[in-house]
Amino acid sequence: MDHSIKFGFIGAGNMAEALVSGMLKGGLAEPSAIRVTDVSSFRLRHFQDSFSVGSFPDNRALAQWSHVVVLCVKPQTMDLVLAEIQAKLSSEQFVISVAAGYPIKRIREHVGTDVAIVRAMPNTPAVIRHGVTAIACAPNLDSRQTQLAQHIFESVGNVVMIDESLMDAVTGLSGSGPAYVYLMIEALADAGVRVGLSRSIAHVLATQTVLGAAKMVEVSGEHPATLKDRVTSPGGTTIAGLRELEAGGLRATVMKAVEAATHRSVELGNLPS
């Protein structure tokens, strides 16, 4: 990895913190090669205290200093941020955006045709380096830039490369998906309490059950339906529970949730400037 590359993060929220932490732990950069900006002075002090990472007083100065500009801001503020930095960007730099629903075409309208652009959708488990990120690259990226983008997000989990047309679907599935799983864990724990378990024990059982089941899918490489069938004995407890889940429309409801989040991602990308 070229340690002369300078990385600038606009927005010092949780995702920026996850990426900076992952990059430092993974040896992608030294603290001196990373700078951040944010409206919160508290967050800037946090980055200095936690990672020895410095800051700039404004986004324009950061963009001028950086080789790679990582946009970790809400999609609703992207137009304003891009308008601030567009004059400081050149063909020698490239921009990485993690703003949900904000397409490469719209970034291009601000920064021009020469700047290379990567659009990424990580999810919140990146904070503990167990995230998954989908990456879509503009056509003018070279292989070195593509690999650098992959390395950045591999420092916080797995990476898949996709066509940008699928990014809203990724947002609906893996971007929003952790919340669906958290709800499932909460529901399992509540059910455990209802049938007599203590809250603490129900929480541990629910959490480890979901964690273990996901690991089984990952490690075995088998289809979830196959693993489900192995747990389901004729006339047993599991099939009784599965029948209730099917009667309640769990499968269809989860699919509708992904579709709804996908549609919202599309809407965010179409908000007026």
Protein backbone atom coordinates (compact mmCIF):
# COMPACT_ATOMS: atom_id res chain seq x y z
CA MET A 1 0.00 0.00 0.00
CA ASP A 2 1.25 3.47 -0.94
CA HIS A 3 1.51 5.30 2.38
CA SER A 4 1.99 8.63 0.63
CA ILE A 5 -1.74 8.71 -0.22
CA LYS A 6 -3.65 11.27 1.83
CA PHE A 7 -7.25 10.53 2.85
CA GLY A 8 -9.75 13.24 3.73
CA PHE A 9 -13.05 12.42 5.44
CA ILE A 10 -15.86 14.94 5.22
CA GLY A 11 -18.13 14.03 8.10
CA ALA A 12 -16.74 12.51 11.30
CA GLY A 13 -19.69 10.33 12.26
CA ASN A 14 -19.85 6.63 13.09
CA MET A 15 -19.11 5.38 9.57
CA ALA A 16 -16.11 7.66 9.18
CA GLU A 17 -14.87 6.46 12.56
CA ALA A 18 -15.30 2.82 11.53
CA LEU A 19 -13.37 3.37 8.30
CA VAL A 20 -10.57 5.35 9.92
CA SER A 21 -10.21 2.77 12.68
CA GLY A 22 -10.21 -0.10 10.17
CA MET A 23 -7.68 1.58 7.90
CA LEU A 24 -5.31 2.26 10.78
CA LYS A 25 -5.64 -1.26 12.19
CA GLY A 26 -5.23 -2.74 8.72
CA GLY A 27 -2.10 -0.73 8.00
CA LEU A 28 -3.60 1.12 5.03
CA ALA A 29 -2.54 4.52 6.33
CA GLU A 30 -0.75 6.29 9.14
CA PRO A 31 -2.63 8.84 11.25
CA SER A 32 -0.65 11.65 9.59
CA ALA A 33 -2.17 10.65 6.23
CA ILE A 34 -5.77 11.09 7.41
CA ARG A 35 -7.69 14.30 8.10
CA VAL A 36 -11.36 14.92 8.91
CA THR A 37 -13.87 17.76 8.93
CA ASP A 38 -17.15 17.99 10.80
CA VAL A 39 -19.56 20.60 12.13
CA SER A 40 -19.05 19.13 15.62
CA SER A 41 -15.88 20.17 17.43
CA PHE A 42 -16.54 17.32 19.87
CA ARG A 43 -16.25 14.76 17.04
CA LEU A 44 -13.04 16.35 15.79
CA ARG A 45 -11.52 16.14 19.28
CA HIS A 46 -12.66 12.52 19.49
CA PHE A 47 -10.76 11.64 16.30
CA GLN A 48 -7.67 13.44 17.58
CA ASP A 49 -7.81 11.74 20.98
CA SER A 50 -8.72 8.26 19.69
CA PHE A 51 -6.70 8.02 16.48
CA SER A 52 -4.24 10.97 16.50
CA VAL A 53 -5.99 12.14 13.33
CA GLY A 54 -6.00 15.85 12.60
CA SER A 55 -8.66 18.06 11.08
CA PHE A 56 -9.16 21.01 8.76
CA PRO A 57 -11.24 24.10 9.50
CA ASP A 58 -13.36 23.67 6.35
CA ASN A 59 -14.18 21.20 3.60
CA ARG A 60 -12.39 23.16 0.87
CA ALA A 61 -9.04 22.98 2.63
CA LEU A 62 -9.48 19.26 3.24
CA ALA A 63 -10.39 18.59 -0.41
CA GLN A 64 -7.34 20.48 -1.63
CA TRP A 65 -5.05 18.49 0.69
CA SER A 66 -6.48 15.03 -0.02
CA HIS A 67 -5.78 12.49 -2.73
CA VAL A 68 -8.93 10.56 -1.76
CA VAL A 69 -11.99 12.44 -0.49
CA VAL A 70 -14.45 10.24 1.41
CA LEU A 71 -17.92 11.75 1.74
CA CYS A 72 -19.50 10.46 4.95
CA VAL A 73 -22.44 12.88 5.09
CA LYS A 74 -26.21 12.54 4.84
CA PRO A 75 -27.60 12.50 1.29
CA GLN A 76 -29.63 15.60 2.11
CA THR A 77 -26.41 17.62 2.59
CA MET A 78 -24.45 16.22 -0.34
CA ASP A 79 -25.35 19.03 -2.77
CA LEU A 80 -24.07 21.65 -0.34
CA VAL A 81 -20.84 19.77 0.41
CA LEU A 82 -20.08 19.09 -3.25
CA ALA A 83 -20.71 22.72 -4.14
CA GLU A 84 -18.16 23.69 -1.47
CA ILE A 85 -15.36 21.41 -2.67
CA GLN A 86 -15.87 21.20 -6.43
CA ALA A 87 -13.35 23.94 -7.23
CA LYS A 88 -10.67 22.16 -5.18
CA LEU A 89 -10.94 18.79 -6.96
CA SER A 90 -8.84 17.74 -9.93
CA SER A 91 -8.24 14.71 -12.14
CA GLU A 92 -5.48 13.65 -9.73
CA GLN A 93 -8.03 12.88 -7.01
CA PHE A 94 -10.97 10.60 -6.55
CA VAL A 95 -14.11 10.78 -4.50
CA ILE A 96 -15.73 8.01 -2.46
CA SER A 97 -19.32 8.53 -1.33
CA VAL A 98 -21.25 6.48 1.23
CA ALA A 99 -24.39 8.65 0.99
CA ALA A 100 -27.45 6.43 0.55
CA GLY A 101 -29.42 6.98 -2.64
CA TYR A 102 -27.07 9.64 -4.06
CA PRO A 103 -25.99 8.45 -7.54
CA ILE A 104 -22.65 8.84 -9.28
CA LYS A 105 -24.32 10.88 -12.04
CA ARG A 106 -25.38 13.50 -9.52
CA ILE A 107 -21.88 13.66 -7.99
CA ARG A 108 -20.49 14.04 -11.50
CA GLU A 109 -22.70 17.08 -12.10
CA HIS A 110 -20.82 18.83 -9.30
CA VAL A 111 -17.23 17.62 -9.70
CA GLY A 112 -16.92 17.36 -13.48
CA THR A 113 -15.90 14.54 -15.81
CA ASP A 114 -12.25 14.13 -14.82
CA VAL A 115 -12.60 13.20 -11.15
CA ALA A 116 -12.87 9.45 -10.50
CA ILE A 117 -15.85 8.47 -8.35
CA VAL A 118 -16.68 5.45 -6.20
CA ARG A 119 -20.08 4.94 -4.62
CA ALA A 120 -20.18 2.58 -1.64
CA MET A 121 -22.85 1.23 0.68
CA PRO A 122 -21.36 -0.17 3.90
CA ASN A 123 -23.51 -1.21 6.83
CA THR A 124 -23.22 -0.52 10.55
CA PRO A 125 -21.42 -3.74 11.59
CA ALA A 126 -18.43 -2.08 9.91
CA VAL A 127 -17.98 -0.45 13.32
CA ILE A 128 -16.78 -3.82 14.65
CA ARG A 129 -15.09 -4.78 11.34
CA HIS A 130 -17.82 -7.27 10.44
CA GLY A 131 -19.65 -5.17 7.88
CA VAL A 132 -20.35 -5.79 4.24
CA THR A 133 -19.93 -3.10 1.60
CA ALA A 134 -21.16 -2.95 -1.98
CA ILE A 135 -19.02 -0.83 -4.30
CA ALA A 136 -19.93 0.68 -7.67
CA CYS A 137 -17.22 2.42 -9.69
CA ALA A 138 -17.46 5.13 -12.32
CA PRO A 139 -16.10 4.02 -15.72
CA ASN A 140 -12.99 6.22 -15.52
CA LEU A 141 -11.49 4.48 -12.49
CA ASP A 142 -8.22 2.68 -13.14
CA SER A 143 -7.33 -0.63 -11.53
CA ARG A 144 -5.17 1.02 -8.86
CA GLN A 145 -8.03 3.24 -7.71
CA THR A 146 -10.48 0.35 -7.75
CA GLN A 147 -8.16 -1.76 -5.63
CA LEU A 148 -7.62 1.10 -3.19
CA ALA A 149 -11.37 1.49 -2.73
CA GLN A 150 -11.68 -2.25 -2.12
CA HIS A 151 -8.87 -2.21 0.44
CA ILE A 152 -10.47 0.67 2.35
CA PHE A 153 -13.74 -1.19 2.82
CA GLU A 154 -12.13 -4.60 3.29
CA SER A 155 -10.57 -3.10 6.41
CA VAL A 156 -14.08 -3.15 7.96
CA GLY A 157 -15.52 -6.38 6.51
CA ASN A 158 -16.42 -8.03 3.22
CA VAL A 159 -16.73 -6.27 -0.14
CA VAL A 160 -18.83 -7.03 -3.21
CA MET A 161 -18.52 -5.22 -6.53
CA ILE A 162 -21.80 -4.37 -8.25
CA ASP A 163 -23.28 -2.31 -11.04
CA GLU A 164 -24.58 0.99 -9.70
CA SER A 165 -28.10 0.19 -10.91
CA LEU A 166 -28.28 -2.32 -8.03
CA MET A 167 -27.12 0.06 -5.30
CA ASP A 168 -30.62 0.96 -4.10
CA ALA A 169 -31.37 -2.75 -3.71
CA VAL A 170 -28.18 -3.17 -1.67
CA THR A 171 -29.27 -0.27 0.52
CA GLY A 172 -32.62 -1.96 1.13
CA LEU A 173 -31.04 -5.33 1.96
CA SER A 174 -27.67 -4.98 3.68
CA GLY A 175 -27.66 -1.24 4.37
CA SER A 176 -30.92 -1.34 6.33
CA GLY A 177 -30.77 -5.08 7.07
CA PRO A 178 -29.03 -4.91 10.47
CA ALA A 179 -32.11 -3.13 11.86
CA TYR A 180 -34.31 -6.01 10.70
CA VAL A 181 -32.04 -8.49 12.46
CA TYR A 182 -31.95 -6.39 15.64
CA LEU A 183 -35.74 -6.45 15.66
CA MET A 184 -35.70 -10.22 15.26
CA ILE A 185 -33.26 -10.59 18.17
CA GLU A 186 -35.43 -8.32 20.32
CA ALA A 187 -38.54 -10.34 19.42
CA LEU A 188 -36.83 -13.64 20.22
CA ALA A 189 -35.68 -12.31 23.59
CA ASP A 190 -39.15 -10.95 24.38
CA ALA A 191 -40.65 -14.32 23.53
CA GLY A 192 -38.16 -16.00 25.83
CA VAL A 193 -39.25 -13.73 28.67
CA ARG A 194 -42.88 -14.49 27.90
CA VAL A 195 -42.30 -18.23 28.29
CA GLY A 196 -40.45 -17.84 31.58
CA LEU A 197 -36.79 -16.99 30.95
CA SER A 198 -35.07 -14.10 32.66
CA ARG A 199 -34.37 -11.06 30.49
CA SER A 200 -30.61 -11.50 30.68
CA ILE A 201 -30.66 -15.18 29.74
CA ALA A 202 -33.21 -14.61 26.97
CA HIS A 203 -31.00 -11.86 25.52
CA VAL A 204 -27.91 -14.09 25.47
CA LEU A 205 -29.82 -17.01 23.94
CA ALA A 206 -31.42 -14.85 21.25
CA THR A 207 -28.18 -13.09 20.32
CA GLN A 208 -26.07 -16.23 20.14
CA THR A 209 -28.76 -18.12 18.25
CA VAL A 210 -28.80 -15.52 15.48
CA LEU A 211 -25.01 -15.21 15.48
CA GLY A 212 -24.52 -18.97 15.35
CA ALA A 213 -27.12 -19.50 12.64
CA ALA A 214 -25.53 -16.84 10.43
CA LYS A 215 -22.11 -18.40 10.96
CA MET A 216 -23.49 -21.81 9.98
CA VAL A 217 -24.73 -20.37 6.68
CA GLU A 218 -21.36 -18.70 6.06
CA VAL A 219 -19.13 -21.62 7.01
CA SER A 220 -21.17 -24.49 5.55
CA GLY A 221 -21.91 -22.78 2.25
CA GLU A 222 -25.27 -24.54 2.24
CA HIS A 223 -28.61 -22.97 1.39
CA PRO A 224 -30.48 -21.67 4.46
CA ALA A 225 -33.45 -23.86 3.53
CA THR A 226 -31.26 -26.97 3.77
CA LEU A 227 -29.98 -25.97 7.21
CA LYS A 228 -33.53 -25.14 8.31
CA ASP A 229 -34.74 -28.59 7.28
CA ARG A 230 -32.00 -30.23 9.35
CA VAL A 231 -33.32 -28.55 12.49
CA THR A 232 -36.91 -29.54 11.72
CA SER A 233 -37.90 -32.97 12.99
CA PRO A 234 -41.23 -34.58 12.01
CA GLY A 235 -43.92 -33.51 14.46
CA GLY A 236 -41.36 -31.65 16.57
CA THR A 237 -41.05 -28.26 18.21
CA THR A 238 -39.34 -26.46 15.34
CA ILE A 239 -42.00 -27.24 12.74
CA ALA A 240 -44.63 -25.99 15.18
CA GLY A 241 -42.79 -22.68 15.48
CA LEU A 242 -42.15 -22.43 11.73
CA ARG A 243 -45.85 -22.92 11.06
CA GLU A 244 -46.64 -19.86 13.18
CA LEU A 245 -43.98 -17.78 11.42
CA GLU A 246 -45.40 -18.72 8.03
CA ALA A 247 -48.95 -18.04 9.21
CA GLY A 248 -47.83 -14.60 10.38
CA GLY A 249 -46.27 -13.82 7.01
CA LEU A 250 -42.69 -13.43 8.24
CA ARG A 251 -41.13 -14.26 4.88
CA ALA A 252 -43.38 -11.88 2.92
CA THR A 253 -43.02 -9.14 5.54
CA VAL A 254 -39.20 -9.24 5.39
CA MET A 255 -39.34 -9.08 1.60
CA LYS A 256 -41.67 -6.08 1.81
CA ALA A 257 -39.29 -4.38 4.23
CA VAL A 258 -36.39 -4.72 1.79
CA GLU A 259 -38.59 -3.42 -1.04
CA ALA A 260 -39.76 -0.43 1.02
CA ALA A 261 -36.19 0.51 2.01
CA THR A 262 -35.09 0.14 -1.62
CA HIS A 263 -37.85 2.46 -2.80
CA ARG A 264 -36.90 5.02 -0.14
CA SER A 265 -33.30 4.90 -1.34
CA VAL A 266 -34.52 5.72 -4.85
CA GLU A 267 -36.55 8.63 -3.44
CA LEU A 268 -33.52 10.04 -1.62
CA GLY A 269 -31.58 10.00 -4.88
CA ASN A 270 -34.32 12.01 -6.57
CA LEU A 271 -34.65 14.77 -3.97
CA PRO A 272 -34.33 18.23 -5.58
CA SER A 273 -31.04 20.04 -5.29
